[in-house]
Amino acid sequence: LKSFKRIKIDAGKSKKIKFKLSDDAFNFIDKS
């Protein structure tokens, strides 16, 4: 999990949302 947003959408409606994808989102911890 890298991000989450709680949103409200009425019946029959649409909403655009944006997630920021930071540089370290693709980092990982190695075995050491």
PDB file of all heavy atoms in Angstrom:
ATOM      1  N   LEU A   1       0.842  -1.191   0.000  1.00  0.00           N
ATOM      2  CA  LEU A   1       0.000   0.000   0.000  1.00  0.00           C
ATOM      3  C   LEU A   1       0.880   1.245   0.000  1.00  0.00           C
ATOM      4  O   LEU A   1       1.795   1.378   0.815  1.00  0.00           O
ATOM      5  CB  LEU A   1      -0.897  -0.006   1.240  1.00  0.00           C
ATOM      6  CG  LEU A   1      -1.852   1.177   1.417  1.00  0.00           C
ATOM      7  CD1 LEU A   1      -2.917   1.179   0.323  1.00  0.00           C
ATOM      8  CD2 LEU A   1      -2.509   1.134   2.795  1.00  0.00           C
ATOM      9  N   LYS A   2       0.606   2.166  -0.923  1.00  0.00           N
ATOM     10  CA  LYS A   2       1.397   3.386  -1.041  1.00  0.00           C
ATOM     11  C   LYS A   2       0.580   4.654  -0.803  1.00  0.00           C
ATOM     12  O   LYS A   2       1.142   5.708  -0.517  1.00  0.00           O
ATOM     13  CB  LYS A   2       2.050   3.461  -2.424  1.00  0.00           C
ATOM     14  CG  LYS A   2       3.037   2.341  -2.704  1.00  0.00           C
ATOM     15  CD  LYS A   2       4.241   2.391  -1.770  1.00  0.00           C
ATOM     16  CE  LYS A   2       5.233   1.294  -2.064  1.00  0.00           C
ATOM     17  NZ  LYS A   2       6.408   1.325  -1.157  1.00  0.00           N
ATOM     18  N   SER A   3      -0.740   4.567  -0.959  1.00  0.00           N
ATOM     19  CA  SER A   3      -1.580   5.744  -0.746  1.00  0.00           C
ATOM     20  C   SER A   3      -3.035   5.306  -0.659  1.00  0.00           C
ATOM     21  O   SER A   3      -3.390   4.210  -1.110  1.00  0.00           O
ATOM     22  CB  SER A   3      -1.397   6.748  -1.885  1.00  0.00           C
ATOM     23  OG  SER A   3      -2.085   7.947  -1.610  1.00  0.00           O
ATOM     24  N   PHE A   4      -3.884   6.154  -0.073  1.00  0.00           N
ATOM     25  CA  PHE A   4      -5.323   5.885  -0.043  1.00  0.00           C
ATOM     26  C   PHE A   4      -6.064   7.202   0.089  1.00  0.00           C
ATOM     27  O   PHE A   4      -5.546   8.177   0.641  1.00  0.00           O
ATOM     28  CB  PHE A   4      -5.706   4.925   1.097  1.00  0.00           C
ATOM     29  CG  PHE A   4      -5.229   5.344   2.460  1.00  0.00           C
ATOM     30  CD1 PHE A   4      -5.988   6.201   3.259  1.00  0.00           C
ATOM     31  CD2 PHE A   4      -4.025   4.873   2.958  1.00  0.00           C
ATOM     32  CE1 PHE A   4      -5.556   6.575   4.519  1.00  0.00           C
ATOM     33  CE2 PHE A   4      -3.576   5.255   4.222  1.00  0.00           C
ATOM     34  CZ  PHE A   4      -4.343   6.101   5.003  1.00  0.00           C
ATOM     35  N   LYS A   5      -7.262   7.224  -0.437  1.00  0.00           N
ATOM     36  CA  LYS A   5      -8.106   8.414  -0.370  1.00  0.00           C
ATOM     37  C   LYS A   5      -9.536   8.001  -0.058  1.00  0.00           C
ATOM     38  O   LYS A   5     -10.083   7.107  -0.701  1.00  0.00           O
ATOM     39  CB  LYS A   5      -8.082   9.176  -1.697  1.00  0.00           C
ATOM     40  CG  LYS A   5      -6.785   9.914  -1.994  1.00  0.00           C
ATOM     41  CD  LYS A   5      -6.897  10.697  -3.286  1.00  0.00           C
ATOM     42  CE  LYS A   5      -5.592  11.390  -3.632  1.00  0.00           C
ATOM     43  NZ  LYS A   5      -5.287  12.489  -2.694  1.00  0.00           N
ATOM     44  N   ARG A   6     -10.118   8.678   0.902  1.00  0.00           N
ATOM     45  CA  ARG A   6     -11.541   8.480   1.216  1.00  0.00           C
ATOM     46  C   ARG A   6     -12.334   9.505   0.420  1.00  0.00           C
ATOM     47  O   ARG A   6     -12.053  10.699   0.499  1.00  0.00           O
ATOM     48  CB  ARG A   6     -11.776   8.637   2.712  1.00  0.00           C
ATOM     49  CG  ARG A   6     -13.226   8.565   3.133  1.00  0.00           C
ATOM     50  CD  ARG A   6     -13.353   8.572   4.639  1.00  0.00           C
ATOM     51  NE  ARG A   6     -13.241   7.230   5.182  1.00  0.00           N
ATOM     52  CZ  ARG A   6     -14.275   6.395   5.300  1.00  0.00           C
ATOM     53  NH1 ARG A   6     -15.489   6.764   4.873  1.00  0.00           N
ATOM     54  NH2 ARG A   6     -14.123   5.195   5.812  1.00  0.00           N
ATOM     55  N   ILE A   7     -13.318   9.017  -0.358  1.00  0.00           N
ATOM     56  CA  ILE A   7     -14.071   9.912  -1.237  1.00  0.00           C
ATOM     57  C   ILE A   7     -15.573   9.716  -1.044  1.00  0.00           C
ATOM     58  O   ILE A   7     -16.027   8.663  -0.609  1.00  0.00           O
ATOM     59  CB  ILE A   7     -13.724   9.669  -2.717  1.00  0.00           C
ATOM     60  CG1 ILE A   7     -14.053   8.228  -3.115  1.00  0.00           C
ATOM     61  CG2 ILE A   7     -12.259   9.974  -2.980  1.00  0.00           C
ATOM     62  CD1 ILE A   7     -13.912   7.964  -4.604  1.00  0.00           C
ATOM     63  N   LYS A   8     -16.335  10.749  -1.375  1.00  0.00           N
ATOM     64  CA  LYS A   8     -17.792  10.706  -1.362  1.00  0.00           C
ATOM     65  C   LYS A   8     -18.286  10.898  -2.784  1.00  0.00           C
ATOM     66  O   LYS A   8     -17.867  11.821  -3.474  1.00  0.00           O
ATOM     67  CB  LYS A   8     -18.363  11.802  -0.465  1.00  0.00           C
ATOM     68  CG  LYS A   8     -19.873  11.790  -0.352  1.00  0.00           C
ATOM     69  CD  LYS A   8     -20.366  12.926   0.544  1.00  0.00           C
ATOM     70  CE  LYS A   8     -21.879  12.859   0.750  1.00  0.00           C
ATOM     71  NZ  LYS A   8     -22.633  12.961  -0.512  1.00  0.00           N
ATOM     72  N   ILE A   9     -19.157   9.981  -3.239  1.00  0.00           N
ATOM     73  CA  ILE A   9     -19.727  10.080  -4.587  1.00  0.00           C
ATOM     74  C   ILE A   9     -21.227   9.839  -4.515  1.00  0.00           C
ATOM     75  O   ILE A   9     -21.678   8.801  -4.023  1.00  0.00           O
ATOM     76  CB  ILE A   9     -19.101   9.056  -5.562  1.00  0.00           C
ATOM     77  CG1 ILE A   9     -17.573   9.167  -5.565  1.00  0.00           C
ATOM     78  CG2 ILE A   9     -19.634   9.258  -6.970  1.00  0.00           C
ATOM     79  CD1 ILE A   9     -16.900   8.221  -6.518  1.00  0.00           C
ATOM     80  N   ASP A  10     -21.993  10.782  -4.989  1.00  0.00           N
ATOM     81  CA  ASP A  10     -23.446  10.638  -5.004  1.00  0.00           C
ATOM     82  C   ASP A  10     -23.879   9.690  -6.110  1.00  0.00           C
ATOM     83  O   ASP A  10     -23.155   9.466  -7.088  1.00  0.00           O
ATOM     84  CB  ASP A  10     -24.116  12.001  -5.205  1.00  0.00           C
ATOM     85  CG  ASP A  10     -23.899  12.927  -4.024  1.00  0.00           C
ATOM     86  OD1 ASP A  10     -23.528  12.424  -2.941  1.00  0.00           O
ATOM     87  OD2 ASP A  10     -24.080  14.149  -4.185  1.00  0.00           O
ATOM     88  N   ALA A  11     -25.063   9.137  -5.959  1.00  0.00           N
ATOM     89  CA  ALA A  11     -25.611   8.198  -6.939  1.00  0.00           C
ATOM     90  C   ALA A  11     -25.647   8.827  -8.321  1.00  0.00           C
ATOM     91  O   ALA A  11     -26.092   9.973  -8.487  1.00  0.00           O
ATOM     92  CB  ALA A  11     -27.010   7.765  -6.520  1.00  0.00           C
ATOM     93  N   GLY A  12     -25.143   8.084  -9.315  1.00  0.00           N
ATOM     94  CA  GLY A  12     -25.167   8.549 -10.690  1.00  0.00           C
ATOM     95  C   GLY A  12     -24.103   9.564 -11.046  1.00  0.00           C
ATOM     96  O   GLY A  12     -24.033  10.016 -12.191  1.00  0.00           O
ATOM     97  N   LYS A  13     -23.251   9.915 -10.092  1.00  0.00           N
ATOM     98  CA  LYS A  13     -22.229  10.933 -10.327  1.00  0.00           C
ATOM     99  C   LYS A  13     -20.851  10.295 -10.518  1.00  0.00           C
ATOM    100  O   LYS A  13     -20.628   9.138 -10.194  1.00  0.00           O
ATOM    101  CB  LYS A  13     -22.184  11.921  -9.160  1.00  0.00           C
ATOM    102  CG  LYS A  13     -23.492  12.649  -8.903  1.00  0.00           C
ATOM    103  CD  LYS A  13     -23.838  13.606 -10.028  1.00  0.00           C
ATOM    104  CE  LYS A  13     -25.097  14.400  -9.708  1.00  0.00           C
ATOM    105  NZ  LYS A  13     -25.451  15.354 -10.776  1.00  0.00           N
ATOM    106  N   SER A  14     -19.925  11.114 -11.045  1.00  0.00           N
ATOM    107  CA  SER A  14     -18.541  10.690 -11.230  1.00  0.00           C
ATOM    108  C   SER A  14     -17.616  11.651 -10.512  1.00  0.00           C
ATOM    109  O   SER A  14     -17.967  12.808 -10.249  1.00  0.00           O
ATOM    110  CB  SER A  14     -18.178  10.653 -12.722  1.00  0.00           C
ATOM    111  OG  SER A  14     -18.956   9.705 -13.408  1.00  0.00           O
ATOM    112  N   LYS A  15     -16.415  11.176 -10.187  1.00  0.00           N
ATOM    113  CA  LYS A  15     -15.428  12.022  -9.527  1.00  0.00           C
ATOM    114  C   LYS A  15     -14.035  11.615  -9.974  1.00  0.00           C
ATOM    115  O   LYS A  15     -13.722  10.423 -10.086  1.00  0.00           O
ATOM    116  CB  LYS A  15     -15.549  11.896  -8.008  1.00  0.00           C
ATOM    117  CG  LYS A  15     -14.558  12.751  -7.228  1.00  0.00           C
ATOM    118  CD  LYS A  15     -14.895  12.790  -5.746  1.00  0.00           C
ATOM    119  CE  LYS A  15     -16.126  13.617  -5.465  1.00  0.00           C
ATOM    120  NZ  LYS A  15     -16.350  13.845  -4.033  1.00  0.00           N
ATOM    121  N   LYS A  16     -13.202  12.624 -10.262  1.00  0.00           N
ATOM    122  CA  LYS A  16     -11.812  12.369 -10.601  1.00  0.00           C
ATOM    123  C   LYS A  16     -10.953  12.511  -9.345  1.00  0.00           C
ATOM    124  O   LYS A  16     -11.123  13.460  -8.577  1.00  0.00           O
ATOM    125  CB  LYS A  16     -11.328  13.356 -11.664  1.00  0.00           C
ATOM    126  CG  LYS A  16     -11.894  13.111 -13.048  1.00  0.00           C
ATOM    127  CD  LYS A  16     -11.283  14.077 -14.059  1.00  0.00           C
ATOM    128  CE  LYS A  16     -11.846  13.796 -15.458  1.00  0.00           C
ATOM    129  NZ  LYS A  16     -11.258  14.712 -16.482  1.00  0.00           N
ATOM    130  N   ILE A  17     -10.054  11.573  -9.171  1.00  0.00           N
ATOM    131  CA  ILE A  17      -9.125  11.674  -8.043  1.00  0.00           C
ATOM    132  C   ILE A  17      -7.708  11.447  -8.548  1.00  0.00           C
ATOM    133  O   ILE A  17      -7.487  10.772  -9.556  1.00  0.00           O
ATOM    134  CB  ILE A  17      -9.455  10.668  -6.914  1.00  0.00           C
ATOM    135  CG1 ILE A  17      -9.389   9.223  -7.413  1.00  0.00           C
ATOM    136  CG2 ILE A  17     -10.802  10.951  -6.300  1.00  0.00           C
ATOM    137  CD1 ILE A  17      -9.512   8.204  -6.299  1.00  0.00           C
ATOM    138  N   LYS A  18      -6.758  12.031  -7.825  1.00  0.00           N
ATOM    139  CA  LYS A  18      -5.355  11.902  -8.190  1.00  0.00           C
ATOM    140  C   LYS A  18      -4.555  11.309  -7.037  1.00  0.00           C
ATOM    141  O   LYS A  18      -4.780  11.636  -5.870  1.00  0.00           O
ATOM    142  CB  LYS A  18      -4.774  13.270  -8.556  1.00  0.00           C
ATOM    143  CG  LYS A  18      -5.244  13.845  -9.878  1.00  0.00           C
ATOM    144  CD  LYS A  18      -4.530  15.164 -10.176  1.00  0.00           C
ATOM    145  CE  LYS A  18      -4.981  15.739 -11.510  1.00  0.00           C
ATOM    146  NZ  LYS A  18      -4.286  17.023 -11.827  1.00  0.00           N
ATOM    147  N   PHE A  19      -3.645  10.416  -7.390  1.00  0.00           N
ATOM    148  CA  PHE A  19      -2.679   9.890  -6.441  1.00  0.00           C
ATOM    149  C   PHE A  19      -1.299  10.384  -6.836  1.00  0.00           C
ATOM    150  O   PHE A  19      -0.930  10.332  -8.013  1.00  0.00           O
ATOM    151  CB  PHE A  19      -2.678   8.355  -6.440  1.00  0.00           C
ATOM    152  CG  PHE A  19      -3.904   7.739  -5.835  1.00  0.00           C
ATOM    153  CD1 PHE A  19      -4.935   7.276  -6.640  1.00  0.00           C
ATOM    154  CD2 PHE A  19      -4.017   7.597  -4.463  1.00  0.00           C
ATOM    155  CE1 PHE A  19      -6.057   6.698  -6.086  1.00  0.00           C
ATOM    156  CE2 PHE A  19      -5.146   7.013  -3.904  1.00  0.00           C
ATOM    157  CZ  PHE A  19      -6.166   6.564  -4.712  1.00  0.00           C
ATOM    158  N   LYS A  20      -0.544  10.834  -5.847  1.00  0.00           N
ATOM    159  CA  LYS A  20       0.836  11.239  -6.118  1.00  0.00           C
ATOM    160  C   LYS A  20       1.726  10.005  -5.998  1.00  0.00           C
ATOM    161  O   LYS A  20       1.650   9.245  -5.026  1.00  0.00           O
ATOM    162  CB  LYS A  20       1.273  12.308  -5.130  1.00  0.00           C
ATOM    163  CG  LYS A  20       2.652  12.882  -5.415  1.00  0.00           C
ATOM    164  CD  LYS A  20       3.014  14.000  -4.437  1.00  0.00           C
ATOM    165  CE  LYS A  20       2.169  15.231  -4.692  1.00  0.00           C
ATOM    166  NZ  LYS A  20       2.597  16.371  -3.833  1.00  0.00           N
ATOM    167  N   LEU A  21       2.553   9.810  -6.990  1.00  0.00           N
ATOM    168  CA  LEU A  21       3.442   8.657  -7.042  1.00  0.00           C
ATOM    169  C   LEU A  21       4.867   9.153  -6.805  1.00  0.00           C
ATOM    170  O   LEU A  21       5.535   9.610  -7.737  1.00  0.00           O
ATOM    171  CB  LEU A  21       3.318   7.976  -8.411  1.00  0.00           C
ATOM    172  CG  LEU A  21       3.784   6.532  -8.544  1.00  0.00           C
ATOM    173  CD1 LEU A  21       2.982   5.620  -7.622  1.00  0.00           C
ATOM    174  CD2 LEU A  21       3.654   6.065  -9.977  1.00  0.00           C
ATOM    175  N   SER A  22       5.305   9.112  -5.566  1.00  0.00           N
ATOM    176  CA  SER A  22       6.613   9.662  -5.224  1.00  0.00           C
ATOM    177  C   SER A  22       7.740   8.760  -5.711  1.00  0.00           C
ATOM    178  O   SER A  22       7.541   7.577  -6.011  1.00  0.00           O
ATOM    179  CB  SER A  22       6.727   9.865  -3.710  1.00  0.00           C
ATOM    180  OG  SER A  22       6.557   8.633  -3.040  1.00  0.00           O
ATOM    181  N   ASP A  23       8.917   9.320  -5.764  1.00  0.00           N
ATOM    182  CA  ASP A  23      10.085   8.606  -6.272  1.00  0.00           C
ATOM    183  C   ASP A  23      10.374   7.340  -5.472  1.00  0.00           C
ATOM    184  O   ASP A  23      10.767   6.314  -6.025  1.00  0.00           O
ATOM    185  CB  ASP A  23      11.304   9.551  -6.233  1.00  0.00           C
ATOM    186  CG  ASP A  23      12.583   8.855  -6.635  1.00  0.00           C
ATOM    187  OD1 ASP A  23      12.623   8.295  -7.740  1.00  0.00           O
ATOM    188  OD2 ASP A  23      13.543   8.863  -5.839  1.00  0.00           O
ATOM    189  N   ASP A  24      10.162   7.380  -4.150  1.00  0.00           N
ATOM    190  CA  ASP A  24      10.498   6.222  -3.328  1.00  0.00           C
ATOM    191  C   ASP A  24       9.402   5.157  -3.287  1.00  0.00           C
ATOM    192  O   ASP A  24       9.530   4.158  -2.579  1.00  0.00           O
ATOM    193  CB  ASP A  24      10.843   6.659  -1.904  1.00  0.00           C
ATOM    194  CG  ASP A  24       9.676   7.339  -1.196  1.00  0.00           C
ATOM    195  OD1 ASP A  24       8.588   7.447  -1.788  1.00  0.00           O
ATOM    196  OD2 ASP A  24       9.865   7.791  -0.043  1.00  0.00           O
ATOM    197  N   ALA A  25       8.339   5.343  -4.047  1.00  0.00           N
ATOM    198  CA  ALA A  25       7.253   4.358  -4.072  1.00  0.00           C
ATOM    199  C   ALA A  25       7.719   3.010  -4.601  1.00  0.00           C
ATOM    200  O   ALA A  25       7.078   1.976  -4.354  1.00  0.00           O
ATOM    201  CB  ALA A  25       6.090   4.872  -4.917  1.00  0.00           C
ATOM    202  N   PHE A  26       8.822   3.001  -5.348  1.00  0.00           N
ATOM    203  CA  PHE A  26       9.317   1.766  -5.954  1.00  0.00           C
ATOM    204  C   PHE A  26      10.570   1.251  -5.253  1.00  0.00           C
ATOM    205  O   PHE A  26      11.255   0.371  -5.763  1.00  0.00           O
ATOM    206  CB  PHE A  26       9.582   1.996  -7.450  1.00  0.00           C
ATOM    207  CG  PHE A  26       8.359   2.443  -8.187  1.00  0.00           C
ATOM    208  CD1 PHE A  26       8.118   3.795  -8.413  1.00  0.00           C
ATOM    209  CD2 PHE A  26       7.404   1.535  -8.611  1.00  0.00           C
ATOM    210  CE1 PHE A  26       6.978   4.217  -9.073  1.00  0.00           C
ATOM    211  CE2 PHE A  26       6.260   1.947  -9.270  1.00  0.00           C
ATOM    212  CZ  PHE A  26       6.041   3.292  -9.495  1.00  0.00           C
ATOM    213  N   ASN A  27      10.854   1.791  -4.082  1.00  0.00           N
ATOM    214  CA  ASN A  27      11.965   1.289  -3.281  1.00  0.00           C
ATOM    215  C   ASN A  27      11.564   0.009  -2.570  1.00  0.00           C
ATOM    216  O   ASN A  27      10.374  -0.254  -2.361  1.00  0.00           O
ATOM    217  CB  ASN A  27      12.408   2.331  -2.257  1.00  0.00           C
ATOM    218  CG  ASN A  27      13.096   3.520  -2.896  1.00  0.00           C
ATOM    219  OD1 ASN A  27      13.185   3.617  -4.116  1.00  0.00           O
ATOM    220  ND2 ASN A  27      13.577   4.434  -2.070  1.00  0.00           N
ATOM    221  N   PHE A  28      12.547  -0.769  -2.181  1.00  0.00           N
ATOM    222  CA  PHE A  28      12.282  -1.979  -1.413  1.00  0.00           C
ATOM    223  C   PHE A  28      13.414  -2.166  -0.412  1.00  0.00           C
ATOM    224  O   PHE A  28      14.478  -1.557  -0.516  1.00  0.00           O
ATOM    225  CB  PHE A  28      12.169  -3.198  -2.334  1.00  0.00           C
ATOM    226  CG  PHE A  28      13.446  -3.549  -3.048  1.00  0.00           C
ATOM    227  CD1 PHE A  28      14.329  -4.492  -2.525  1.00  0.00           C
ATOM    228  CD2 PHE A  28      13.788  -2.928  -4.243  1.00  0.00           C
ATOM    229  CE1 PHE A  28      15.513  -4.807  -3.165  1.00  0.00           C
ATOM    230  CE2 PHE A  28      14.971  -3.231  -4.900  1.00  0.00           C
ATOM    231  CZ  PHE A  28      15.846  -4.170  -4.360  1.00  0.00           C
ATOM    232  N   ILE A  29      13.166  -2.995   0.591  1.00  0.00           N
ATOM    233  CA  ILE A  29      14.176  -3.337   1.589  1.00  0.00           C
ATOM    234  C   ILE A  29      14.813  -4.656   1.185  1.00  0.00           C
ATOM    235  O   ILE A  29      14.110  -5.655   0.991  1.00  0.00           O
ATOM    236  CB  ILE A  29      13.562  -3.450   2.997  1.00  0.00           C
ATOM    237  CG1 ILE A  29      12.841  -2.156   3.384  1.00  0.00           C
ATOM    238  CG2 ILE A  29      14.635  -3.819   4.023  1.00  0.00           C
ATOM    239  CD1 ILE A  29      13.720  -0.948   3.495  1.00  0.00           C
ATOM    240  N   ASP A  30      16.129  -4.671   1.056  1.00  0.00           N
ATOM    241  CA  ASP A  30      16.777  -5.926   0.650  1.00  0.00           C
ATOM    242  C   ASP A  30      16.987  -6.828   1.866  1.00  0.00           C
ATOM    243  O   ASP A  30      16.616  -6.479   2.997  1.00  0.00           O
ATOM    244  CB  ASP A  30      18.076  -5.659  -0.110  1.00  0.00           C
ATOM    245  CG  ASP A  30      19.195  -5.097   0.773  1.00  0.00           C
ATOM    246  OD1 ASP A  30      19.066  -5.114   2.010  1.00  0.00           O
ATOM    247  OD2 ASP A  30      20.193  -4.625   0.201  1.00  0.00           O
ATOM    248  N   LYS A  31      17.607  -7.982   1.645  1.00  0.00           N
ATOM    249  CA  LYS A  31      17.717  -8.984   2.702  1.00  0.00           C
ATOM    250  C   LYS A  31      18.631  -8.551   3.843  1.00  0.00           C
ATOM    251  O   LYS A  31      18.569  -9.122   4.936  1.00  0.00           O
ATOM    252  CB  LYS A  31      18.192 -10.302   2.102  1.00  0.00           C
ATOM    253  CG  LYS A  31      17.150 -10.926   1.165  1.00  0.00           C
ATOM    254  CD  LYS A  31      17.638 -12.220   0.546  1.00  0.00           C
ATOM    255  CE  LYS A  31      16.584 -12.782  -0.411  1.00  0.00           C
ATOM    256  NZ  LYS A  31      17.013 -14.030  -1.068  1.00  0.00           N
ATOM    257  N   SER A  32      19.454  -7.542   3.606  1.00  0.00           N
ATOM    258  CA  SER A  32      20.321  -7.044   4.671  1.00  0.00           C
ATOM    259  C   SER A  32      19.703  -5.872   5.424  1.00  0.00           C
ATOM    260  O   SER A  32      20.311  -5.311   6.321  1.00  0.00           O
ATOM    261  CB  SER A  32      21.679  -6.627   4.090  1.00  0.00           C
ATOM    262  OG  SER A  32      21.518  -5.559   3.175  1.00  0.00           O
TER     263      SER A  32
END
